[in-house]
C-alpha atoms as a PDB file:
ATOM      1  CA  UNK A   1      86.379 -19.467 -95.082  1.00  0.00           C
ATOM      2  CA  UNK A   2      83.813 -20.152 -92.351  1.00  0.00           C
ATOM      3  CA  UNK A   3      84.923 -22.053 -89.264  1.00  0.00           C
ATOM      4  CA  UNK A   4      82.071 -24.532 -89.639  1.00  0.00           C
ATOM      5  CA  UNK A   5      83.746 -25.847 -92.765  1.00  0.00           C
ATOM      6  CA  UNK A   6      87.119 -26.126 -91.071  1.00  0.00           C
ATOM      7  CA  UNK A   7      85.627 -27.861 -88.010  1.00  0.00           C
ATOM      8  CA  UNK A   8      82.424 -29.446 -89.345  1.00  0.00           C
ATOM      9  CA  UNK A   9      81.821 -31.661 -86.292  1.00  0.00           C
ATOM     10  CA  UNK A  10      81.547 -28.540 -84.101  1.00  0.00           C
ATOM     11  CA  UNK A  11      78.939 -26.886 -86.323  1.00  0.00           C
ATOM     12  CA  UNK A  12      75.586 -26.573 -84.445  1.00  0.00           C
ATOM     13  CA  UNK A  13      72.822 -28.741 -85.837  1.00  0.00           C
ATOM     14  CA  UNK A  14      69.521 -27.346 -87.055  1.00  0.00           C
ATOM     15  CA  UNK A  15      67.867 -28.831 -83.962  1.00  0.00           C
ATOM     16  CA  UNK A  16      70.056 -26.866 -81.560  1.00  0.00           C
ATOM     17  CA  UNK A  17      69.701 -23.699 -83.603  1.00  0.00           C
ATOM     18  CA  UNK A  18      65.919 -23.984 -83.349  1.00  0.00           C
ATOM     19  CA  UNK A  19      66.107 -24.704 -79.624  1.00  0.00           C
ATOM     20  CA  UNK A  20      68.290 -21.639 -79.090  1.00  0.00           C
ATOM     21  CA  UNK A  21      65.788 -19.571 -81.068  1.00  0.00           C
ATOM     22  CA  UNK A  22      62.888 -20.884 -78.948  1.00  0.00           C
ATOM     23  CA  UNK A  23      64.793 -20.049 -75.756  1.00  0.00           C
ATOM     24  CA  UNK A  24      65.435 -16.469 -76.869  1.00  0.00           C
ATOM     25  CA  UNK A  25      61.800 -16.097 -77.979  1.00  0.00           C
ATOM     26  CA  UNK A  26      60.544 -17.404 -74.626  1.00  0.00           C
ATOM     27  CA  UNK A  27      62.747 -14.990 -72.668  1.00  0.00           C
ATOM     28  CA  UNK A  28      61.618 -12.066 -74.812  1.00  0.00           C
ATOM     29  CA  UNK A  29      57.960 -13.109 -74.463  1.00  0.00           C
ATOM     30  CA  UNK A  30      58.345 -13.296 -70.668  1.00  0.00           C
ATOM     31  CA  UNK A  31      59.747  -9.761 -70.583  1.00  0.00           C
ATOM     32  CA  UNK A  32      56.930  -8.427 -72.783  1.00  0.00           C
ATOM     33  CA  UNK A  33      54.371 -10.222 -70.602  1.00  0.00           C
ATOM     34  CA  UNK A  34      55.865  -8.673 -67.491  1.00  0.00           C
ATOM     35  CA  UNK A  35      55.882  -5.267 -69.199  1.00  0.00           C
ATOM     36  CA  UNK A  36      52.085  -5.086 -69.261  1.00  0.00           C
ATOM     37  CA  UNK A  37      51.650  -2.055 -66.926  1.00  0.00           C
ATOM     38  CA  UNK A  38      48.387  -3.155 -65.352  1.00  0.00           C
ATOM     39  CA  UNK A  39      48.035  -0.436 -62.723  1.00  0.00           C
ATOM     40  CA  UNK A  40      49.101   2.317 -65.132  1.00  0.00           C
ATOM     41  CA  UNK A  41      46.620   1.293 -67.814  1.00  0.00           C
ATOM     42  CA  UNK A  42      43.789   0.825 -65.302  1.00  0.00           C
ATOM     43  CA  UNK A  43      44.483   4.262 -63.843  1.00  0.00           C
ATOM     44  CA  UNK A  44      44.608   6.012 -67.202  1.00  0.00           C
ATOM     45  CA  UNK A  45      41.643   4.188 -68.802  1.00  0.00           C
ATOM     46  CA  UNK A  46      39.179   4.125 -65.891  1.00  0.00           C
ATOM     47  CA  UNK A  47      40.318   6.980 -63.639  1.00  0.00           C
ATOM     48  CA  UNK A  48      42.135   9.362 -65.969  1.00  0.00           C
ATOM     49  CA  UNK A  49      45.273   9.430 -63.793  1.00  0.00           C
ATOM     50  CA  UNK A  50      48.833   8.155 -63.855  1.00  0.00           C
ATOM     51  CA  UNK A  51      49.198   6.027 -60.715  1.00  0.00           C
ATOM     52  CA  UNK A  52      52.892   6.967 -60.586  1.00  0.00           C
ATOM     53  CA  UNK A  53      51.910  10.558 -59.789  1.00  0.00           C
ATOM     54  CA  UNK A  54      49.732   9.667 -56.797  1.00  0.00           C
ATOM     55  CA  UNK A  55      50.106   7.995 -53.429  1.00  0.00           C
ATOM     56  CA  UNK A  56      53.519   6.437 -52.996  1.00  0.00           C
ATOM     57  CA  UNK A  57      54.276   6.878 -56.701  1.00  0.00           C
ATOM     58  CA  UNK A  58      54.665   3.126 -57.105  1.00  0.00           C
ATOM     59  CA  UNK A  59      52.942   1.423 -60.061  1.00  0.00           C
ATOM     60  CA  UNK A  60      51.881  -1.623 -58.079  1.00  0.00           C
ATOM     61  CA  UNK A  61      48.835  -3.244 -56.518  1.00  0.00           C
ATOM     62  CA  UNK A  62      49.281  -1.713 -53.048  1.00  0.00           C
ATOM     63  CA  UNK A  63      49.362   1.838 -54.362  1.00  0.00           C
ATOM     64  CA  UNK A  64      46.430   1.016 -56.637  1.00  0.00           C
ATOM     65  CA  UNK A  65      44.425  -0.024 -53.565  1.00  0.00           C
ATOM     66  CA  UNK A  66      45.507   3.165 -51.828  1.00  0.00           C
ATOM     67  CA  UNK A  67      44.632   5.527 -54.667  1.00  0.00           C
ATOM     68  CA  UNK A  68      41.836   3.820 -56.625  1.00  0.00           C
ATOM     69  CA  UNK A  69      40.338   1.371 -54.134  1.00  0.00           C
ATOM     70  CA  UNK A  70      39.716  -2.373 -54.100  1.00  0.00           C
ATOM     71  CA  UNK A  71      37.729  -2.432 -57.361  1.00  0.00           C
ATOM     72  CA  UNK A  72      40.934  -1.509 -59.162  1.00  0.00           C
ATOM     73  CA  UNK A  73      43.456  -2.960 -56.707  1.00  0.00           C
ATOM     74  CA  UNK A  74      42.185  -6.548 -56.730  1.00  0.00           C
ATOM     75  CA  UNK A  75      42.202  -6.990 -60.549  1.00  0.00           C
ATOM     76  CA  UNK A  76      45.623  -5.311 -60.766  1.00  0.00           C
ATOM     77  CA  UNK A  77      47.029  -7.632 -58.105  1.00  0.00           C
ATOM     78  CA  UNK A  78      45.576 -10.759 -59.738  1.00  0.00           C
ATOM     79  CA  UNK A  79      46.823  -9.854 -63.216  1.00  0.00           C
ATOM     80  CA  UNK A  80      50.314  -8.994 -61.934  1.00  0.00           C
ATOM     81  CA  UNK A  81      50.475 -12.366 -60.146  1.00  0.00           C
ATOM     82  CA  UNK A  82      49.292 -14.186 -63.272  1.00  0.00           C
ATOM     83  CA  UNK A  83      52.028 -12.477 -65.319  1.00  0.00           C
ATOM     84  CA  UNK A  84      54.721 -14.135 -63.204  1.00  0.00           C
ATOM     85  CA  UNK A  85      52.897 -17.463 -63.018  1.00  0.00           C
ATOM     86  CA  UNK A  86      52.237 -17.695 -66.754  1.00  0.00           C
ATOM     87  CA  UNK A  87      55.786 -16.699 -67.694  1.00  0.00           C
ATOM     88  CA  UNK A  88      57.020 -20.032 -66.297  1.00  0.00           C
ATOM     89  CA  UNK A  89      54.850 -21.975 -68.749  1.00  0.00           C
ATOM     90  CA  UNK A  90      56.817 -20.512 -71.631  1.00  0.00           C
ATOM     91  CA  UNK A  91      59.567 -22.959 -70.628  1.00  0.00           C
ATOM     92  CA  UNK A  92      57.513 -25.725 -72.245  1.00  0.00           C
ATOM     93  CA  UNK A  93      58.382 -24.313 -75.661  1.00  0.00           C
ATOM     94  CA  UNK A  94      62.131 -24.242 -75.038  1.00  0.00           C
ATOM     95  CA  UNK A  95      62.799 -27.897 -75.812  1.00  0.00           C
ATOM     96  CA  UNK A  96      64.430 -28.403 -72.394  1.00  0.00           C
ATOM     97  CA  UNK A  97      63.336 -31.610 -70.662  1.00  0.00           C
ATOM     98  CA  UNK A  98      60.582 -30.890 -68.147  1.00  0.00           C
ATOM     99  CA  UNK A  99      61.366 -31.837 -64.579  1.00  0.00           C
ATOM    100  CA  UNK A 100      65.116 -31.451 -64.982  1.00  0.00           C
ATOM    101  CA  UNK A 101      67.094 -28.973 -62.900  1.00  0.00           C
ATOM    102  CA  UNK A 102      68.021 -27.152 -66.110  1.00  0.00           C
ATOM    103  CA  UNK A 103      64.301 -26.733 -66.783  1.00  0.00           C
ATOM    104  CA  UNK A 104      63.808 -25.197 -63.330  1.00  0.00           C
ATOM    105  CA  UNK A 105      66.771 -22.876 -63.877  1.00  0.00           C
ATOM    106  CA  UNK A 106      65.311 -21.742 -67.196  1.00  0.00           C
ATOM    107  CA  UNK A 107      61.970 -21.111 -65.471  1.00  0.00           C
ATOM    108  CA  UNK A 108      63.823 -18.893 -63.021  1.00  0.00           C
ATOM    109  CA  UNK A 109      65.277 -16.889 -65.908  1.00  0.00           C
ATOM    110  CA  UNK A 110      61.790 -16.556 -67.390  1.00  0.00           C
ATOM    111  CA  UNK A 111      60.499 -15.341 -64.037  1.00  0.00           C
ATOM    112  CA  UNK A 112      63.384 -12.876 -63.855  1.00  0.00           C
ATOM    113  CA  UNK A 113      62.498 -11.523 -67.302  1.00  0.00           C
ATOM    114  CA  UNK A 114      58.845 -11.104 -66.288  1.00  0.00           C
ATOM    115  CA  UNK A 115      59.952  -9.329 -63.106  1.00  0.00           C
ATOM    116  CA  UNK A 116      62.286  -7.007 -65.051  1.00  0.00           C
ATOM    117  CA  UNK A 117      59.442  -6.294 -67.435  1.00  0.00           C
ATOM    118  CA  UNK A 118      57.225  -5.248 -64.530  1.00  0.00           C
ATOM    119  CA  UNK A 119      59.906  -3.017 -62.984  1.00  0.00           C
ATOM    120  CA  UNK A 120      61.105  -1.611 -66.341  1.00  0.00           C
ATOM    121  CA  UNK A 121      58.057  -1.919 -68.653  1.00  0.00           C
ATOM    122  CA  UNK A 122      58.703  -1.184 -72.295  1.00  0.00           C
ATOM    123  CA  UNK A 123      55.065  -0.039 -72.636  1.00  0.00           C
ATOM    124  CA  UNK A 124      55.339   2.593 -69.888  1.00  0.00           C
ATOM    125  CA  UNK A 125      58.631   4.386 -70.372  1.00  0.00           C
ATOM    126  CA  UNK A 126      60.530   1.791 -68.306  1.00  0.00           C
ATOM    127  CA  UNK A 127      58.960   3.148 -65.084  1.00  0.00           C
ATOM    128  CA  UNK A 128      57.071   0.359 -63.364  1.00  0.00           C
ATOM    129  CA  UNK A 129      56.427  -1.066 -59.913  1.00  0.00           C
ATOM    130  CA  UNK A 130      58.399  -3.049 -57.368  1.00  0.00           C
ATOM    131  CA  UNK A 131      57.464  -6.406 -58.920  1.00  0.00           C
ATOM    132  CA  UNK A 132      56.384  -8.071 -55.669  1.00  0.00           C
ATOM    133  CA  UNK A 133      53.099  -9.409 -57.088  1.00  0.00           C
ATOM    134  CA  UNK A 134      54.845 -10.702 -60.211  1.00  0.00           C
ATOM    135  CA  UNK A 135      57.452 -12.458 -58.079  1.00  0.00           C
ATOM    136  CA  UNK A 136      54.598 -13.948 -56.062  1.00  0.00           C
ATOM    137  CA  UNK A 137      53.252 -15.420 -59.304  1.00  0.00           C
ATOM    138  CA  UNK A 138      56.668 -16.888 -60.073  1.00  0.00           C
ATOM    139  CA  UNK A 139      56.747 -18.383 -56.565  1.00  0.00           C
ATOM    140  CA  UNK A 140      53.291 -19.910 -57.059  1.00  0.00           C
ATOM    141  CA  UNK A 141      54.489 -21.610 -60.223  1.00  0.00           C
ATOM    142  CA  UNK A 142      57.708 -22.905 -58.681  1.00  0.00           C
ATOM    143  CA  UNK A 143      56.596 -23.857 -55.168  1.00  0.00           C
ATOM    144  CA  UNK A 144      52.852 -23.335 -54.575  1.00  0.00           C
ATOM    145  CA  UNK A 145      52.731 -24.830 -51.058  1.00  0.00           C
ATOM    146  CA  UNK A 146      55.557 -22.669 -49.699  1.00  0.00           C
ATOM    147  CA  UNK A 147      53.951 -19.646 -51.368  1.00  0.00           C
ATOM    148  CA  UNK A 148      50.602 -20.463 -49.744  1.00  0.00           C
ATOM    149  CA  UNK A 149      52.285 -20.647 -46.336  1.00  0.00           C
ATOM    150  CA  UNK A 150      54.045 -17.323 -46.962  1.00  0.00           C
ATOM    151  CA  UNK A 151      50.744 -15.748 -47.974  1.00  0.00           C
ATOM    152  CA  UNK A 152      49.223 -16.981 -44.706  1.00  0.00           C
ATOM    153  CA  UNK A 153      52.048 -15.208 -42.855  1.00  0.00           C
ATOM    154  CA  UNK A 154      51.320 -12.045 -44.826  1.00  0.00           C
ATOM    155  CA  UNK A 155      47.600 -12.221 -44.011  1.00  0.00           C
ATOM    156  CA  UNK A 156      48.152 -12.768 -40.296  1.00  0.00           C
ATOM    157  CA  UNK A 157      50.769 -10.016 -39.932  1.00  0.00           C
ATOM    158  CA  UNK A 158      48.740  -7.586 -42.041  1.00  0.00           C
ATOM    159  CA  UNK A 159      45.562  -8.186 -40.021  1.00  0.00           C
ATOM    160  CA  UNK A 160      47.451  -7.778 -36.756  1.00  0.00           C
ATOM    161  CA  UNK A 161      49.409  -4.650 -37.694  1.00  0.00           C
ATOM    162  CA  UNK A 162      47.505  -3.015 -40.556  1.00  0.00           C
ATOM    163  CA  UNK A 163      50.785  -2.586 -42.454  1.00  0.00           C
ATOM    164  CA  UNK A 164      51.005  -4.054 -45.963  1.00  0.00           C
ATOM    165  CA  UNK A 165      54.762  -3.500 -45.950  1.00  0.00           C
ATOM    166  CA  UNK A 166      55.283  -5.425 -42.697  1.00  0.00           C
ATOM    167  CA  UNK A 167      53.152  -8.275 -44.013  1.00  0.00           C
ATOM    168  CA  UNK A 168      55.097  -8.373 -47.284  1.00  0.00           C
ATOM    169  CA  UNK A 169      58.495  -8.363 -45.567  1.00  0.00           C
ATOM    170  CA  UNK A 170      57.415 -11.036 -43.092  1.00  0.00           C
ATOM    171  CA  UNK A 171      56.148 -13.256 -45.897  1.00  0.00           C
ATOM    172  CA  UNK A 172      59.326 -12.701 -47.927  1.00  0.00           C
ATOM    173  CA  UNK A 173      61.591 -13.682 -45.047  1.00  0.00           C
ATOM    174  CA  UNK A 174      59.410 -16.681 -44.166  1.00  0.00           C
ATOM    175  CA  UNK A 175      59.352 -18.024 -47.736  1.00  0.00           C
ATOM    176  CA  UNK A 176      62.895 -19.517 -47.834  1.00  0.00           C
ATOM    177  CA  UNK A 177      62.389 -20.920 -44.334  1.00  0.00           C
ATOM    178  CA  UNK A 178      59.318 -22.801 -45.522  1.00  0.00           C
ATOM    179  CA  UNK A 179      61.117 -23.994 -48.660  1.00  0.00           C
ATOM    180  CA  UNK A 180      64.176 -25.304 -46.783  1.00  0.00           C
ATOM    181  CA  UNK A 181      62.913 -26.436 -43.391  1.00  0.00           C
ATOM    182  CA  UNK A 182      59.236 -27.288 -43.866  1.00  0.00           C
ATOM    183  CA  UNK A 183      59.240 -28.757 -47.371  1.00  0.00           C
ATOM    184  CA  UNK A 184      62.878 -29.969 -47.380  1.00  0.00           C
ATOM    185  CA  UNK A 185      63.552 -28.701 -50.893  1.00  0.00           C
ATOM    186  CA  UNK A 186      66.748 -30.149 -52.385  1.00  0.00           C
ATOM    187  CA  UNK A 187      66.953 -28.232 -55.663  1.00  0.00           C
ATOM    188  CA  UNK A 188      69.684 -25.647 -55.225  1.00  0.00           C
ATOM    189  CA  UNK A 189      68.216 -23.282 -57.821  1.00  0.00           C
ATOM    190  CA  UNK A 190      64.910 -23.116 -55.938  1.00  0.00           C
ATOM    191  CA  UNK A 191      66.639 -22.568 -52.601  1.00  0.00           C
ATOM    192  CA  UNK A 192      68.737 -19.769 -54.083  1.00  0.00           C
ATOM    193  CA  UNK A 193      65.616 -18.226 -55.610  1.00  0.00           C
ATOM    194  CA  UNK A 194      63.768 -18.327 -52.286  1.00  0.00           C
ATOM    195  CA  UNK A 195      66.670 -16.665 -50.466  1.00  0.00           C
ATOM    196  CA  UNK A 196      66.973 -14.048 -53.214  1.00  0.00           C
ATOM    197  CA  UNK A 197      63.284 -13.180 -52.796  1.00  0.00           C
ATOM    198  CA  UNK A 198      63.792 -12.520 -49.087  1.00  0.00           C
ATOM    199  CA  UNK A 199      66.735 -10.212 -49.778  1.00  0.00           C
ATOM    200  CA  UNK A 200      64.956  -8.486 -52.649  1.00  0.00           C
ATOM    201  CA  UNK A 201      61.776  -7.744 -50.691  1.00  0.00           C
ATOM    202  CA  UNK A 202      63.739  -6.265 -47.809  1.00  0.00           C
ATOM    203  CA  UNK A 203      65.770  -4.158 -50.255  1.00  0.00           C
ATOM    204  CA  UNK A 204      62.735  -2.805 -52.120  1.00  0.00           C
ATOM    205  CA  UNK A 205      61.003  -1.964 -48.838  1.00  0.00           C
ATOM    206  CA  UNK A 206      63.894   0.041 -47.389  1.00  0.00           C
ATOM    207  CA  UNK A 207      61.852   3.277 -47.659  1.00  0.00           C
ATOM    208  CA  UNK A 208      58.992   1.571 -45.846  1.00  0.00           C
ATOM    209  CA  UNK A 209      61.401   0.513 -43.105  1.00  0.00           C
ATOM    210  CA  UNK A 210      62.502   4.124 -42.686  1.00  0.00           C
ATOM    211  CA  UNK A 211      58.866   5.279 -42.508  1.00  0.00           C
ATOM    212  CA  UNK A 212      58.068   2.547 -39.983  1.00  0.00           C
ATOM    213  CA  UNK A 213      60.927   3.714 -37.791  1.00  0.00           C
ATOM    214  CA  UNK A 214      59.736   7.315 -38.128  1.00  0.00           C
ATOM    215  CA  UNK A 215      56.109   6.357 -37.452  1.00  0.00           C
ATOM    216  CA  UNK A 216      54.848   7.732 -40.787  1.00  0.00           C
ATOM    217  CA  UNK A 217      54.040   4.498 -42.650  1.00  0.00           C
ATOM    218  CA  UNK A 218      50.441   4.268 -43.916  1.00  0.00           C
ATOM    219  CA  UNK A 219      48.106   1.716 -42.356  1.00  0.00           C
ATOM    220  CA  UNK A 220      45.078  -0.034 -43.816  1.00  0.00           C
ATOM    221  CA  UNK A 221      42.155  -1.139 -41.690  1.00  0.00           C
ATOM    222  CA  UNK A 222      39.063  -2.872 -43.053  1.00  0.00           C
ATOM    223  CA  UNK A 223      39.480  -1.443 -46.518  1.00  0.00           C
ATOM    224  CA  UNK A 224      40.334   2.156 -45.589  1.00  0.00           C
ATOM    225  CA  UNK A 225      43.634   3.873 -45.019  1.00  0.00           C
ATOM    226  CA  UNK A 226      44.674   5.566 -41.827  1.00  0.00           C
ATOM    227  CA  UNK A 227      47.829   7.531 -41.213  1.00  0.00           C
ATOM    228  CA  UNK A 228      49.862   6.172 -38.348  1.00  0.00           C
END
């Protein structure tokens, strides 16, 4: 005998079953969206190479710039950002009330799924990039003003130093500071997300930090690469 017949008042209604189904579908769709291996497909279709076998070996926008130039790097960067940004809109089909903290938390899970899809893409043997651009898209969707300020930090540091990695790490660390101190954000989930981004970017750039200390990190100046 099924438990729903023994405890009928605890049996989930059709409405909640459908909402649960929509939530699972949205999470799966976010992962599939993130799994679109932009740099890998661009490299194979237009250049006949696997980006993961060239440059730093990373399937991301920075390595695409390094190996294939701006004509490939800019579209790859934009599409990877849009993947993270668009994943948040899938929350609208979950049935969760927009504007609520639960809605924001679910958006964070959608962003996480898109990020995991980029790092472990099902369409590319689960070997993707670092996910920085996709996380930037998630940040744009959640807090566009703080993201804009962080991007300004990236631009300034990059122009001054010529290091993409230093610009990225500076922007990542600055992001939670903007969220908390400049924009006075009160939503705990957003604050936690911002802090997690800072930690994540530093963690994924640990090889860059070692190369910076050794003086072997690659520099970019006015669209061309120079070895430091």
